[in-house]
Structures are given as structure tokens and as C-alpha cells.
Protein backbone atom coordinates (compact mmCIF):
# COMPACT_ATOMS: atom_id res chain seq x y z
CA UNK A 1 74.38 88.64 105.69
CA UNK A 2 72.26 90.02 108.10
CA UNK A 3 75.95 90.26 110.62
CA UNK A 4 77.47 92.38 107.39
CA UNK A 5 74.48 94.32 107.41
CA UNK A 6 74.79 94.80 111.15
CA UNK A 7 78.80 96.20 110.84
CA UNK A 8 78.15 98.13 108.36
CA UNK A 9 75.27 99.45 110.60
CA UNK A 10 77.82 99.87 113.88
CA UNK A 11 80.59 101.30 112.02
CA UNK A 12 78.60 103.93 109.96
CA UNK A 13 76.78 104.68 114.07
CA UNK A 14 80.78 105.60 114.42
CA UNK A 15 81.78 108.44 112.57
CA UNK A 16 78.26 109.22 112.33
CA UNK A 17 79.59 110.06 116.69
CA UNK A 18 82.70 111.14 114.82
CA UNK A 19 81.36 113.76 113.01
CA UNK A 20 79.06 114.52 116.02
CA UNK A 21 81.86 115.30 118.53
CA UNK A 22 79.64 112.89 120.31
CA UNK A 23 82.50 112.02 122.99
CA UNK A 24 80.04 110.81 126.08
CA UNK A 25 78.26 108.26 123.33
CA UNK A 26 81.30 107.43 122.05
CA UNK A 27 83.02 106.32 125.53
CA UNK A 28 79.70 104.22 125.64
CA UNK A 29 80.48 102.46 122.66
CA UNK A 30 83.97 102.03 124.08
CA UNK A 31 83.40 100.63 127.62
CA UNK A 32 80.46 98.58 126.98
CA UNK A 33 80.19 97.29 122.98
CA UNK A 34 81.13 93.22 122.86
CA UNK A 35 82.53 93.95 119.34
CA UNK A 36 86.03 95.14 119.55
CA UNK A 37 86.25 96.48 116.06
CA UNK A 38 83.85 98.51 117.14
CA UNK A 39 85.65 99.17 120.22
CA UNK A 40 88.81 100.00 118.61
CA UNK A 41 86.75 102.43 115.60
CA UNK A 42 85.16 104.62 118.73
CA UNK A 43 89.21 104.31 120.28
CA UNK A 44 90.15 106.24 116.97
CA UNK A 45 87.44 107.99 116.65
CA UNK A 46 88.07 110.44 120.20
CA UNK A 47 91.81 110.62 118.85
CA UNK A 48 90.01 112.01 115.66
CA UNK A 49 87.68 114.51 118.24
CA UNK A 50 91.60 115.75 119.59
CA UNK A 51 89.05 116.82 122.99
CA UNK A 52 90.66 116.33 126.12
CA UNK A 53 87.58 114.98 128.00
CA UNK A 54 87.90 111.25 125.46
CA UNK A 55 91.51 110.94 127.99
CA UNK A 56 89.87 108.71 130.49
CA UNK A 57 87.35 106.76 128.39
CA UNK A 58 90.58 106.22 126.30
CA UNK A 59 92.78 105.77 129.53
CA UNK A 60 90.68 102.91 130.64
CA UNK A 61 90.67 100.93 127.85
CA UNK A 62 94.38 100.44 128.01
CA UNK A 63 93.24 97.21 130.00
CA UNK A 64 91.52 96.21 127.04
CA UNK A 65 91.85 92.36 125.93
CA UNK A 66 91.78 93.79 122.35
CA UNK A 67 95.29 94.59 121.26
CA UNK A 68 93.47 96.41 118.51
CA UNK A 69 91.51 98.43 121.02
CA UNK A 70 94.48 98.99 123.08
CA UNK A 71 97.05 100.23 119.93
CA UNK A 72 93.82 102.50 118.81
CA UNK A 73 93.85 103.88 122.41
CA UNK A 74 97.57 104.78 122.85
CA UNK A 75 97.72 106.51 119.12
CA UNK A 76 94.47 108.62 120.27
CA UNK A 77 96.13 109.48 122.91
CA UNK A 78 99.42 110.68 121.73
CA UNK A 79 97.22 112.68 118.86
CA UNK A 80 95.12 114.10 121.84
CA UNK A 81 98.77 115.23 123.60
CA UNK A 82 97.76 115.31 127.34
CA UNK A 83 99.88 115.29 130.12
CA UNK A 84 97.59 112.81 132.27
CA UNK A 85 98.12 109.68 129.35
CA UNK A 86 102.25 110.03 130.15
CA UNK A 87 102.72 107.88 132.56
CA UNK A 88 99.78 104.71 131.38
CA UNK A 89 101.35 104.59 128.26
CA UNK A 90 105.03 104.31 129.79
CA UNK A 91 103.42 101.59 130.84
CA UNK A 92 101.90 100.27 127.74
CA UNK A 93 105.58 99.75 126.87
CA UNK A 94 105.91 97.08 128.55
CA UNK A 95 102.12 95.44 127.34
CA UNK A 96 102.77 92.00 126.51
CA UNK A 97 101.82 92.76 122.47
CA UNK A 98 104.46 94.45 120.03
CA UNK A 99 101.86 96.16 118.23
CA UNK A 100 100.84 98.22 122.00
CA UNK A 101 104.67 98.66 122.62
CA UNK A 102 104.76 100.47 119.32
CA UNK A 103 102.37 102.93 119.05
CA UNK A 104 102.71 103.63 122.87
CA UNK A 105 106.03 104.48 122.18
CA UNK A 106 104.89 106.69 118.96
CA UNK A 107 102.06 108.54 121.55
CA UNK A 108 104.62 109.76 123.87
CA UNK A 109 106.71 110.95 121.19
CA UNK A 110 103.85 112.96 119.63
CA UNK A 111 103.16 114.15 123.77
CA UNK A 112 106.04 115.23 123.48
CA UNK A 113 106.78 115.53 127.69
CA UNK A 114 109.94 114.64 129.17
CA UNK A 115 108.90 112.00 131.18
CA UNK A 116 108.86 109.64 129.24
CA UNK A 117 112.07 110.09 128.57
CA UNK A 118 113.65 106.60 130.75
CA UNK A 119 110.72 104.99 130.04
CA UNK A 120 111.75 105.34 126.26
CA UNK A 121 115.41 104.51 126.85
CA UNK A 122 113.90 101.01 128.47
CA UNK A 123 111.80 100.56 125.23
CA UNK A 124 115.23 100.86 123.22
CA UNK A 125 116.26 97.25 124.79
CA UNK A 126 112.94 96.14 123.20
CA UNK A 127 113.16 92.50 121.61
CA UNK A 128 110.88 93.85 118.59
CA UNK A 129 112.94 95.79 116.49
CA UNK A 130 110.11 98.22 115.29
CA UNK A 131 109.33 99.14 118.92
CA UNK A 132 112.97 100.26 119.02
CA UNK A 133 113.05 102.19 116.21
CA UNK A 134 110.10 104.08 117.42
CA UNK A 135 111.30 104.68 120.51
CA UNK A 136 114.63 106.08 119.28
CA UNK A 137 112.10 108.19 116.80
CA UNK A 138 110.40 109.07 119.99
CA UNK A 139 113.28 109.62 121.95
CA UNK A 140 114.40 112.44 119.56
CA UNK A 141 110.96 114.15 119.51
CA UNK A 142 111.04 115.05 123.04
CA UNK A 143 114.59 116.43 121.89
CA UNK A 144 115.94 115.78 126.18
CA UNK A 145 120.02 115.59 126.85
CA UNK A 146 119.51 112.17 128.86
CA UNK A 147 118.52 110.11 126.09
CA UNK A 148 121.53 111.39 123.84
CA UNK A 149 124.24 107.63 125.50
CA UNK A 150 121.28 105.87 124.90
CA UNK A 151 120.70 107.28 121.21
CA UNK A 152 124.30 106.32 120.54
CA UNK A 153 124.37 103.08 121.75
CA UNK A 154 121.42 102.34 119.16
CA UNK A 155 123.93 103.31 116.54
CA UNK A 156 125.15 99.89 117.11
CA UNK A 157 121.69 98.21 116.62
CA UNK A 158 121.20 95.09 114.12
CA UNK A 159 118.63 96.30 112.73
CA UNK A 160 119.54 99.24 110.25
CA UNK A 161 116.44 100.79 110.81
CA UNK A 162 116.80 101.08 114.55
CA UNK A 163 120.03 103.09 113.89
CA UNK A 164 118.09 105.14 110.83
CA UNK A 165 115.79 106.80 114.05
CA UNK A 166 118.59 106.71 116.36
CA UNK A 167 120.69 108.80 114.22
CA UNK A 168 118.51 111.53 113.36
CA UNK A 169 116.71 111.25 116.64
CA UNK A 170 120.74 111.99 117.78
CA UNK A 171 120.06 115.04 115.23
CA UNK A 172 116.86 116.47 116.82
CA UNK A 173 118.52 115.97 120.33
CA UNK A 174 121.93 117.94 119.70
CA UNK A 175 119.48 121.04 117.39
CA UNK A 176 117.63 120.96 121.11
CA UNK A 177 120.47 121.52 122.87
CA UNK A 178 121.82 123.81 120.21
CA UNK A 179 118.76 126.01 120.71
CA UNK A 180 118.07 125.94 124.14
CA UNK A 181 121.64 126.69 125.21
CA UNK A 182 122.64 130.43 126.82
CA UNK A 183 124.74 132.62 125.77
């Protein structure tokens, strides 16, 4: 029973830190707490706050041994949208856990930086369907013409959800190209 009370108190503490936008304390929780669930909650809270001062502690968390912390950190980095996260998130596209790769792809699409295009194109060949699907979605959000050919190939993916995501992404890329053409 004492363990449950302690976990509830930690959750309340994280919610309070989030409400007060206490980035420094959340960063300390993210770095020093032994409980991975509490670290993951702190990573999520930093994304809710959306302050660029959270980028450095979240970047450190991408190497956390717990997958929950890594995927929450990736998701939060996408919510913050800071370009400093692009390269580390492209590295996370090769994480051994597919769920972390999926969240890295999603975050890269949220950030929308063209520097993520080539790694996301590579992620279109991931062994996990969900990673391929979200890589296609991310490429659609970035709307870079370099994704046209690889997205066309993704229309032949064995999974319908990947084909559907590629189709929508192609429409976005084509619309972005039309909007940027100078007459």
C-alpha cells in the first residue's frame, strides 16, 4: 500500500511541477529519479509546457534505458518544435525499439525541418509497419520534393495503412510544390 501512495504522490508532484511550469525541477526528475514511469511523466510534462529550455534535458533522455522515457522525450521534442532536436531525433529513428522510432518520426514531422527528409526516407523501409506509416506522414508534413520518389514507392507497400499514409503525404508534397512555384 505504501508503494501505491508513493507513486500517487510522485504523479501529483509531476502534475504540480507541470502546472507551475517548473522546468528546472522537471529536468532534475528526468535526470535523477530511479522510477522510469516518473521520468516518463516528467518528459511528457516538459512537452506540455513547450519551453525551449526543456530541449537540453529532453535530448539527454533519448539515451535513457527505459523505452517509455525515450518515446515521451521524442514526442515532447516534437511538441516544442526546436530545430536543435532534429539531428538527435534522426538518430532515434534507428533506436532498437520500434515505438521509439515511431515517436521520433512523428516528432520530426511535427518539427517540419527539411534536414529530416533523408532519414525519414530511410525510415520508409523500416521493418515495422507503424514506423513506415508515420515516416510517410512526417514526410507529408515537411512537404519536401525529395520525398516524391520514395513516397511513390511506398504506394506499393504490403500494408494498406502505409499506402494510405503515402498517398496523403504525396498530396501534401504536391500541394506544397504548387504553392512554391514562381510564375
